[in-house]
Amino acid sequence: MVRVSDNGIGIPPEEQLHIFDDFYRVDKNDTNLQMGGMGVGLAIVRALVEAYNGRIWLDSTIGRGSTFTFILPARQVDHSFAAVP
């Protein structure tokens, strides 16, 4: 299990549903935020975590920050062998 936390502005609940979507950016029209990026970073992270049979999620509170947590299994199932009749 890995957790990454910040003490930032937090992510509104209605935005949290889409935070791992491709090209999604929170408050893209808010000129006060001045954030760069294309909105693909978290989508890539989710794809990598899921490729290894893991799970990722977000806990966030407005005004208090966000915590991203992901888990990966300790062992992967080996599907490389062929079944012998």
PDB file of N, CA and C in Angstrom:
ATOM      1  N   MET A   1       0.852  -1.166   0.000  1.00  0.00           N
ATOM      2  CA  MET A   1       0.000   0.000   0.000  1.00  0.00           C
ATOM      3  C   MET A   1       0.900   1.233   0.000  1.00  0.00           C
ATOM      4  N   VAL A   2       0.553   2.169  -0.866  1.00  0.00           N
ATOM      5  CA  VAL A   2       1.274   3.436  -0.963  1.00  0.00           C
ATOM      6  C   VAL A   2       0.263   4.560  -0.865  1.00  0.00           C
ATOM      7  N   ARG A   3       0.596   5.576  -0.056  1.00  0.00           N
ATOM      8  CA  ARG A   3      -0.264   6.757   0.080  1.00  0.00           C
ATOM      9  C   ARG A   3       0.552   8.005  -0.228  1.00  0.00           C
ATOM     10  N   VAL A   4      -0.060   8.892  -0.995  1.00  0.00           N
ATOM     11  CA  VAL A   4       0.535  10.189  -1.289  1.00  0.00           C
ATOM     12  C   VAL A   4      -0.485  11.241  -0.878  1.00  0.00           C
ATOM     13  N   SER A   5      -0.080  12.122   0.043  1.00  0.00           N
ATOM     14  CA  SER A   5      -0.997  13.124   0.581  1.00  0.00           C
ATOM     15  C   SER A   5      -0.464  14.530   0.367  1.00  0.00           C
ATOM     16  N   ASP A   6      -1.408  15.478   0.351  1.00  0.00           N
ATOM     17  CA  ASP A   6      -1.021  16.886   0.323  1.00  0.00           C
ATOM     18  C   ASP A   6      -1.941  17.661   1.264  1.00  0.00           C
ATOM     19  N   ASN A   7      -1.595  18.881   1.505  1.00  0.00           N
ATOM     20  CA  ASN A   7      -2.403  19.767   2.340  1.00  0.00           C
ATOM     21  C   ASN A   7      -2.969  20.897   1.494  1.00  0.00           C
ATOM     22  N   GLY A   8      -3.340  20.567   0.259  1.00  0.00           N
ATOM     23  CA  GLY A   8      -3.813  21.559  -0.701  1.00  0.00           C
ATOM     24  C   GLY A   8      -5.256  21.952  -0.494  1.00  0.00           C
ATOM     25  N   ILE A   9      -5.855  22.420  -1.574  1.00  0.00           N
ATOM     26  CA  ILE A   9      -7.224  22.959  -1.509  1.00  0.00           C
ATOM     27  C   ILE A   9      -8.293  21.876  -1.513  1.00  0.00           C
ATOM     28  N   GLY A  10      -7.919  20.637  -1.801  1.00  0.00           N
ATOM     29  CA  GLY A  10      -8.889  19.550  -1.864  1.00  0.00           C
ATOM     30  C   GLY A  10      -9.603  19.491  -3.203  1.00  0.00           C
ATOM     31  N   ILE A  11     -10.308  18.417  -3.411  1.00  0.00           N
ATOM     32  CA  ILE A  11     -11.018  18.199  -4.671  1.00  0.00           C
ATOM     33  C   ILE A  11     -12.502  18.034  -4.356  1.00  0.00           C
ATOM     34  N   PRO A  12     -13.364  18.837  -4.968  1.00  0.00           N
ATOM     35  CA  PRO A  12     -14.803  18.747  -4.697  1.00  0.00           C
ATOM     36  C   PRO A  12     -15.344  17.350  -5.014  1.00  0.00           C
ATOM     37  N   PRO A  13     -16.326  16.890  -4.232  1.00  0.00           N
ATOM     38  CA  PRO A  13     -16.885  15.546  -4.445  1.00  0.00           C
ATOM     39  C   PRO A  13     -17.343  15.287  -5.874  1.00  0.00           C
ATOM     40  N   GLU A  14     -17.976  16.275  -6.523  1.00  0.00           N
ATOM     41  CA  GLU A  14     -18.466  16.069  -7.888  1.00  0.00           C
ATOM     42  C   GLU A  14     -17.318  15.910  -8.884  1.00  0.00           C
ATOM     43  N   GLU A  15     -16.135  16.423  -8.564  1.00  0.00           N
ATOM     44  CA  GLU A  15     -14.958  16.277  -9.420  1.00  0.00           C
ATOM     45  C   GLU A  15     -14.249  14.946  -9.173  1.00  0.00           C
ATOM     46  N   GLN A  16     -14.375  14.412  -7.976  1.00  0.00           N
ATOM     47  CA  GLN A  16     -13.681  13.175  -7.607  1.00  0.00           C
ATOM     48  C   GLN A  16     -14.107  11.991  -8.472  1.00  0.00           C
ATOM     49  N   LEU A  17     -15.336  12.013  -8.954  1.00  0.00           N
ATOM     50  CA  LEU A  17     -15.842  10.922  -9.787  1.00  0.00           C
ATOM     51  C   LEU A  17     -15.077  10.795 -11.099  1.00  0.00           C
ATOM     52  N   HIS A  18     -14.455  11.875 -11.546  1.00  0.00           N
ATOM     53  CA  HIS A  18     -13.804  11.908 -12.858  1.00  0.00           C
ATOM     54  C   HIS A  18     -12.286  12.064 -12.793  1.00  0.00           C
ATOM     55  N   ILE A  19     -11.733  12.139 -11.605  1.00  0.00           N
ATOM     56  CA  ILE A  19     -10.331  12.503 -11.438  1.00  0.00           C
ATOM     57  C   ILE A  19      -9.354  11.560 -12.148  1.00  0.00           C
ATOM     58  N   PHE A  20      -9.736  10.311 -12.364  1.00  0.00           N
ATOM     59  CA  PHE A  20      -8.859   9.351 -13.042  1.00  0.00           C
ATOM     60  C   PHE A  20      -9.183   9.202 -14.529  1.00  0.00           C
ATOM     61  N   ASP A  21     -10.102  10.021 -15.046  1.00  0.00           N
ATOM     62  CA  ASP A  21     -10.471   9.971 -16.466  1.00  0.00           C
ATOM     63  C   ASP A  21      -9.394  10.617 -17.336  1.00  0.00           C
ATOM     64  N   ASP A  22      -9.256  10.139 -18.560  1.00  0.00           N
ATOM     65  CA  ASP A  22      -8.311  10.727 -19.512  1.00  0.00           C
ATOM     66  C   ASP A  22      -8.647  12.189 -19.781  1.00  0.00           C
ATOM     67  N   PHE A  23      -7.632  13.031 -19.753  1.00  0.00           N
ATOM     68  CA  PHE A  23      -7.719  14.455 -20.084  1.00  0.00           C
ATOM     69  C   PHE A  23      -8.642  15.252 -19.166  1.00  0.00           C
ATOM     70  N   TYR A  24      -8.889  14.747 -17.968  1.00  0.00           N
ATOM     71  CA  TYR A  24      -9.757  15.468 -17.032  1.00  0.00           C
ATOM     72  C   TYR A  24      -8.914  16.357 -16.131  1.00  0.00           C
ATOM     73  N   ARG A  25      -9.332  17.596 -15.998  1.00  0.00           N
ATOM     74  CA  ARG A  25      -8.659  18.537 -15.110  1.00  0.00           C
ATOM     75  C   ARG A  25      -9.702  19.206 -14.226  1.00  0.00           C
ATOM     76  N   VAL A  26      -9.427  19.267 -12.941  1.00  0.00           N
ATOM     77  CA  VAL A  26     -10.323  19.929 -11.997  1.00  0.00           C
ATOM     78  C   VAL A  26     -10.244  21.433 -12.215  1.00  0.00           C
ATOM     79  N   ASP A  27     -11.382  22.095 -12.208  1.00  0.00           N
ATOM     80  CA  ASP A  27     -11.454  23.552 -12.322  1.00  0.00           C
ATOM     81  C   ASP A  27     -10.604  24.102 -13.465  1.00  0.00           C
ATOM     82  N   LYS A  28     -10.730  23.511 -14.629  1.00  0.00           N
ATOM     83  CA  LYS A  28      -9.927  23.951 -15.774  1.00  0.00           C
ATOM     84  C   LYS A  28     -10.216  25.391 -16.185  1.00  0.00           C
ATOM     85  N   ASN A  29     -11.343  25.928 -15.745  1.00  0.00           N
ATOM     86  CA  ASN A  29     -11.690  27.306 -16.085  1.00  0.00           C
ATOM     87  C   ASN A  29     -11.355  28.298 -14.968  1.00  0.00           C
ATOM     88  N   ASP A  30     -10.807  27.807 -13.849  1.00  0.00           N
ATOM     89  CA  ASP A  30     -10.462  28.680 -12.722  1.00  0.00           C
ATOM     90  C   ASP A  30      -9.097  29.307 -12.959  1.00  0.00           C
ATOM     91  N   THR A  31      -9.074  30.592 -13.274  1.00  0.00           N
ATOM     92  CA  THR A  31      -7.810  31.267 -13.587  1.00  0.00           C
ATOM     93  C   THR A  31      -6.953  31.482 -12.348  1.00  0.00           C
ATOM     94  N   ASN A  32      -7.509  31.317 -11.153  1.00  0.00           N
ATOM     95  CA  ASN A  32      -6.732  31.480  -9.924  1.00  0.00           C
ATOM     96  C   ASN A  32      -5.810  30.300  -9.664  1.00  0.00           C
ATOM     97  N   LEU A  33      -6.112  29.139 -10.240  1.00  0.00           N
ATOM     98  CA  LEU A  33      -5.310  27.941  -9.966  1.00  0.00           C
ATOM     99  C   LEU A  33      -4.006  27.918 -10.759  1.00  0.00           C
ATOM    100  N   GLN A  34      -4.019  28.388 -11.997  1.00  0.00           N
ATOM    101  CA  GLN A  34      -2.808  28.454 -12.826  1.00  0.00           C
ATOM    102  C   GLN A  34      -2.036  27.132 -12.846  1.00  0.00           C
ATOM    103  N   MET A  35      -2.725  26.037 -13.066  1.00  0.00           N
ATOM    104  CA  MET A  35      -2.069  24.733 -13.142  1.00  0.00           C
ATOM    105  C   MET A  35      -1.811  24.354 -14.583  1.00  0.00           C
ATOM    106  N   GLY A  36      -0.706  23.698 -14.812  1.00  0.00           N
ATOM    107  CA  GLY A  36      -0.399  23.211 -16.146  1.00  0.00           C
ATOM    108  C   GLY A  36      -0.811  21.760 -16.284  1.00  0.00           C
ATOM    109  N   GLY A  37      -0.397  21.152 -17.368  1.00  0.00           N
ATOM    110  CA  GLY A  37      -0.679  19.741 -17.578  1.00  0.00           C
ATOM    111  C   GLY A  37      -1.841  19.515 -18.514  1.00  0.00           C
ATOM    112  N   MET A  38      -1.930  18.281 -18.958  1.00  0.00           N
ATOM    113  CA  MET A  38      -2.968  17.914 -19.919  1.00  0.00           C
ATOM    114  C   MET A  38      -4.072  17.069 -19.301  1.00  0.00           C
ATOM    115  N   GLY A  39      -3.922  16.670 -18.046  1.00  0.00           N
ATOM    116  CA  GLY A  39      -4.941  15.860 -17.407  1.00  0.00           C
ATOM    117  C   GLY A  39      -4.827  14.379 -17.706  1.00  0.00           C
ATOM    118  N   VAL A  40      -3.611  13.897 -17.968  1.00  0.00           N
ATOM    119  CA  VAL A  40      -3.451  12.477 -18.256  1.00  0.00           C
ATOM    120  C   VAL A  40      -2.663  11.732 -17.181  1.00  0.00           C
ATOM    121  N   GLY A  41      -2.025  12.438 -16.276  1.00  0.00           N
ATOM    122  CA  GLY A  41      -1.163  11.806 -15.277  1.00  0.00           C
ATOM    123  C   GLY A  41      -1.872  10.771 -14.430  1.00  0.00           C
ATOM    124  N   LEU A  42      -3.006  11.126 -13.846  1.00  0.00           N
ATOM    125  CA  LEU A  42      -3.720  10.179 -12.986  1.00  0.00           C
ATOM    126  C   LEU A  42      -4.351   9.048 -13.783  1.00  0.00           C
ATOM    127  N   ALA A  43      -4.725   9.299 -15.025  1.00  0.00           N
ATOM    128  CA  ALA A  43      -5.249   8.229 -15.881  1.00  0.00           C
ATOM    129  C   ALA A  43      -4.147   7.200 -16.166  1.00  0.00           C
ATOM    130  N   ILE A  44      -2.929   7.681 -16.388  1.00  0.00           N
ATOM    131  CA  ILE A  44      -1.801   6.773 -16.627  1.00  0.00           C
ATOM    132  C   ILE A  44      -1.498   5.969 -15.370  1.00  0.00           C
ATOM    133  N   VAL A  45      -1.493   6.631 -14.222  1.00  0.00           N
ATOM    134  CA  VAL A  45      -1.244   5.930 -12.960  1.00  0.00           C
ATOM    135  C   VAL A  45      -2.295   4.849 -12.745  1.00  0.00           C
ATOM    136  N   ARG A  46      -3.574   5.189 -12.963  1.00  0.00           N
ATOM    137  CA  ARG A  46      -4.632   4.189 -12.795  1.00  0.00           C
ATOM    138  C   ARG A  46      -4.428   3.001 -13.727  1.00  0.00           C
ATOM    139  N   ALA A  47      -4.082   3.261 -14.986  1.00  0.00           N
ATOM    140  CA  ALA A  47      -3.867   2.180 -15.949  1.00  0.00           C
ATOM    141  C   ALA A  47      -2.718   1.270 -15.511  1.00  0.00           C
ATOM    142  N   LEU A  48      -1.641   1.847 -15.014  1.00  0.00           N
ATOM    143  CA  LEU A  48      -0.502   1.045 -14.550  1.00  0.00           C
ATOM    144  C   LEU A  48      -0.869   0.204 -13.328  1.00  0.00           C
ATOM    145  N   VAL A  49      -1.536   0.820 -12.368  1.00  0.00           N
ATOM    146  CA  VAL A  49      -1.935   0.096 -11.159  1.00  0.00           C
ATOM    147  C   VAL A  49      -2.875  -1.058 -11.522  1.00  0.00           C
ATOM    148  N   GLU A  50      -3.850  -0.795 -12.378  1.00  0.00           N
ATOM    149  CA  GLU A  50      -4.795  -1.842 -12.763  1.00  0.00           C
ATOM    150  C   GLU A  50      -4.135  -2.920 -13.621  1.00  0.00           C
ATOM    151  N   ALA A  51      -3.108  -2.569 -14.400  1.00  0.00           N
ATOM    152  CA  ALA A  51      -2.389  -3.560 -15.203  1.00  0.00           C
ATOM    153  C   ALA A  51      -1.700  -4.593 -14.314  1.00  0.00           C
ATOM    154  N   TYR A  52      -1.376  -4.200 -13.106  1.00  0.00           N
ATOM    155  CA  TYR A  52      -0.747  -5.111 -12.142  1.00  0.00           C
ATOM    156  C   TYR A  52      -1.754  -5.635 -11.132  1.00  0.00           C
ATOM    157  N   ASN A  53      -3.032  -5.612 -11.495  1.00  0.00           N
ATOM    158  CA  ASN A  53      -4.127  -6.118 -10.664  1.00  0.00           C
ATOM    159  C   ASN A  53      -4.247  -5.383  -9.338  1.00  0.00           C
ATOM    160  N   GLY A  54      -3.939  -4.108  -9.346  1.00  0.00           N
ATOM    161  CA  GLY A  54      -4.048  -3.294  -8.150  1.00  0.00           C
ATOM    162  C   GLY A  54      -5.292  -2.439  -8.165  1.00  0.00           C
ATOM    163  N   ARG A  55      -5.374  -1.580  -7.176  1.00  0.00           N
ATOM    164  CA  ARG A  55      -6.527  -0.701  -7.022  1.00  0.00           C
ATOM    165  C   ARG A  55      -6.030   0.656  -6.548  1.00  0.00           C
ATOM    166  N   ILE A  56      -6.645   1.732  -7.013  1.00  0.00           N
ATOM    167  CA  ILE A  56      -6.279   3.083  -6.619  1.00  0.00           C
ATOM    168  C   ILE A  56      -7.537   3.860  -6.283  1.00  0.00           C
ATOM    169  N   TRP A  57      -7.426   4.734  -5.274  1.00  0.00           N
ATOM    170  CA  TRP A  57      -8.568   5.556  -4.910  1.00  0.00           C
ATOM    171  C   TRP A  57      -8.103   6.869  -4.296  1.00  0.00           C
ATOM    172  N   LEU A  58      -9.064   7.760  -4.125  1.00  0.00           N
ATOM    173  CA  LEU A  58      -8.813   9.114  -3.640  1.00  0.00           C
ATOM    174  C   LEU A  58      -9.700   9.405  -2.452  1.00  0.00           C
ATOM    175  N   ASP A  59      -9.120  10.037  -1.432  1.00  0.00           N
ATOM    176  CA  ASP A  59      -9.870  10.613  -0.321  1.00  0.00           C
ATOM    177  C   ASP A  59      -9.501  12.089  -0.302  1.00  0.00           C
ATOM    178  N   SER A  60     -10.503  12.963  -0.338  1.00  0.00           N
ATOM    179  CA  SER A  60     -10.205  14.387  -0.394  1.00  0.00           C
ATOM    180  C   SER A  60     -11.263  15.177   0.363  1.00  0.00           C
ATOM    181  N   THR A  61     -10.806  16.228   1.042  1.00  0.00           N
ATOM    182  CA  THR A  61     -11.686  17.122   1.769  1.00  0.00           C
ATOM    183  C   THR A  61     -11.351  18.549   1.369  1.00  0.00           C
ATOM    184  N   ILE A  62     -12.359  19.296   0.975  1.00  0.00           N
ATOM    185  CA  ILE A  62     -12.151  20.688   0.579  1.00  0.00           C
ATOM    186  C   ILE A  62     -11.500  21.447   1.737  1.00  0.00           C
ATOM    187  N   GLY A  63     -10.440  22.178   1.421  1.00  0.00           N
ATOM    188  CA  GLY A  63      -9.735  22.975   2.409  1.00  0.00           C
ATOM    189  C   GLY A  63      -8.736  22.218   3.263  1.00  0.00           C
ATOM    190  N   ARG A  64      -8.684  20.894   3.118  1.00  0.00           N
ATOM    191  CA  ARG A  64      -7.765  20.103   3.944  1.00  0.00           C
ATOM    192  C   ARG A  64      -6.773  19.288   3.131  1.00  0.00           C
ATOM    193  N   GLY A  65      -7.071  19.023   1.867  1.00  0.00           N
ATOM    194  CA  GLY A  65      -6.136  18.288   1.024  1.00  0.00           C
ATOM    195  C   GLY A  65      -6.675  16.963   0.531  1.00  0.00           C
ATOM    196  N   SER A  66      -5.769  16.206  -0.101  1.00  0.00           N
ATOM    197  CA  SER A  66      -6.144  14.944  -0.741  1.00  0.00           C
ATOM    198  C   SER A  66      -5.131  13.859  -0.413  1.00  0.00           C
ATOM    199  N   THR A  67      -5.611  12.618  -0.408  1.00  0.00           N
ATOM    200  CA  THR A  67      -4.744  11.460  -0.259  1.00  0.00           C
ATOM    201  C   THR A  67      -5.091  10.471  -1.357  1.00  0.00           C
ATOM    202  N   PHE A  68      -4.083  10.133  -2.154  1.00  0.00           N
ATOM    203  CA  PHE A  68      -4.222   9.092  -3.173  1.00  0.00           C
ATOM    204  C   PHE A  68      -3.587   7.836  -2.604  1.00  0.00           C
ATOM    205  N   THR A  69      -4.311   6.729  -2.659  1.00  0.00           N
ATOM    206  CA  THR A  69      -3.821   5.462  -2.128  1.00  0.00           C
ATOM    207  C   THR A  69      -3.910   4.414  -3.219  1.00  0.00           C
ATOM    208  N   PHE A  70      -2.857   3.601  -3.331  1.00  0.00           N
ATOM    209  CA  PHE A  70      -2.960   2.449  -4.221  1.00  0.00           C
ATOM    210  C   PHE A  70      -2.353   1.230  -3.565  1.00  0.00           C
ATOM    211  N   ILE A  71      -2.894   0.069  -3.953  1.00  0.00           N
ATOM    212  CA  ILE A  71      -2.391  -1.214  -3.468  1.00  0.00           C
ATOM    213  C   ILE A  71      -2.081  -2.086  -4.673  1.00  0.00           C
ATOM    214  N   LEU A  72      -1.053  -2.880  -4.533  1.00  0.00           N
ATOM    215  CA  LEU A  72      -0.676  -3.865  -5.539  1.00  0.00           C
ATOM    216  C   LEU A  72      -0.553  -5.212  -4.857  1.00  0.00           C
ATOM    217  N   PRO A  73      -0.953  -6.282  -5.525  1.00  0.00           N
ATOM    218  CA  PRO A  73      -0.806  -7.603  -4.913  1.00  0.00           C
ATOM    219  C   PRO A  73       0.677  -7.956  -4.767  1.00  0.00           C
ATOM    220  N   ALA A  74       0.998  -8.714  -3.724  1.00  0.00           N
ATOM    221  CA  ALA A  74       2.383  -9.121  -3.483  1.00  0.00           C
ATOM    222  C   ALA A  74       2.879 -10.076  -4.559  1.00  0.00           C
ATOM    223  N   ARG A  75       1.977 -10.832  -5.137  1.00  0.00           N
ATOM    224  CA  ARG A  75       2.335 -11.783  -6.195  1.00  0.00           C
ATOM    225  C   ARG A  75       1.362 -11.667  -7.345  1.00  0.00           C
ATOM    226  N   GLN A  76       1.887 -11.868  -8.533  1.00  0.00           N
ATOM    227  CA  GLN A  76       1.064 -11.863  -9.736  1.00  0.00           C
ATOM    228  C   GLN A  76       0.842 -13.306 -10.188  1.00  0.00           C
ATOM    229  N   VAL A  77      -0.307 -13.576 -10.735  1.00  0.00           N
ATOM    230  CA  VAL A  77      -0.600 -14.893 -11.289  1.00  0.00           C
ATOM    231  C   VAL A  77       0.169 -15.040 -12.590  1.00  0.00           C
ATOM    232  N   ASP A  78       0.864 -16.157 -12.756  1.00  0.00           N
ATOM    233  CA  ASP A  78       1.652 -16.407 -13.965  1.00  0.00           C
ATOM    234  C   ASP A  78       0.769 -17.101 -14.996  1.00  0.00           C
ATOM    235  N   HIS A  79       0.424 -16.363 -16.053  1.00  0.00           N
ATOM    236  CA  HIS A  79      -0.412 -16.903 -17.123  1.00  0.00           C
ATOM    237  C   HIS A  79       0.434 -17.296 -18.325  1.00  0.00           C
ATOM    238  N   SER A  80       1.730 -17.355 -18.174  1.00  0.00           N
ATOM    239  CA  SER A  80       2.605 -17.596 -19.318  1.00  0.00           C
ATOM    240  C   SER A  80       2.722 -19.066 -19.707  1.00  0.00           C
ATOM    241  N   PHE A  81       2.335 -19.971 -18.823  1.00  0.00           N
ATOM    242  CA  PHE A  81       2.448 -21.385 -19.165  1.00  0.00           C
ATOM    243  C   PHE A  81       1.243 -21.857 -19.970  1.00  0.00           C
ATOM    244  N   ALA A  82       1.461 -22.829 -20.813  1.00  0.00           N
ATOM    245  CA  ALA A  82       0.390 -23.376 -21.650  1.00  0.00           C
ATOM    246  C   ALA A  82      -0.151 -24.647 -20.982  1.00  0.00           C
ATOM    247  N   ALA A  83      -1.452 -24.821 -21.073  1.00  0.00           N
ATOM    248  CA  ALA A  83      -2.057 -26.020 -20.509  1.00  0.00           C
ATOM    249  C   ALA A  83      -1.695 -27.229 -21.373  1.00  0.00           C
ATOM    250  N   VAL A  84      -1.352 -28.298 -20.707  1.00  0.00           N
ATOM    251  CA  VAL A  84      -0.995 -29.528 -21.415  1.00  0.00           C
ATOM    252  C   VAL A  84      -2.216 -30.448 -21.411  1.00  0.00           C
ATOM    253  N   PRO A  85      -2.620 -30.950 -22.605  1.00  0.00           N
ATOM    254  CA  PRO A  85      -3.819 -31.806 -22.665  1.00  0.00           C
ATOM    255  C   PRO A  85      -3.640 -33.116 -21.963  1.00  0.00           C
TER     256      PRO A  85
END
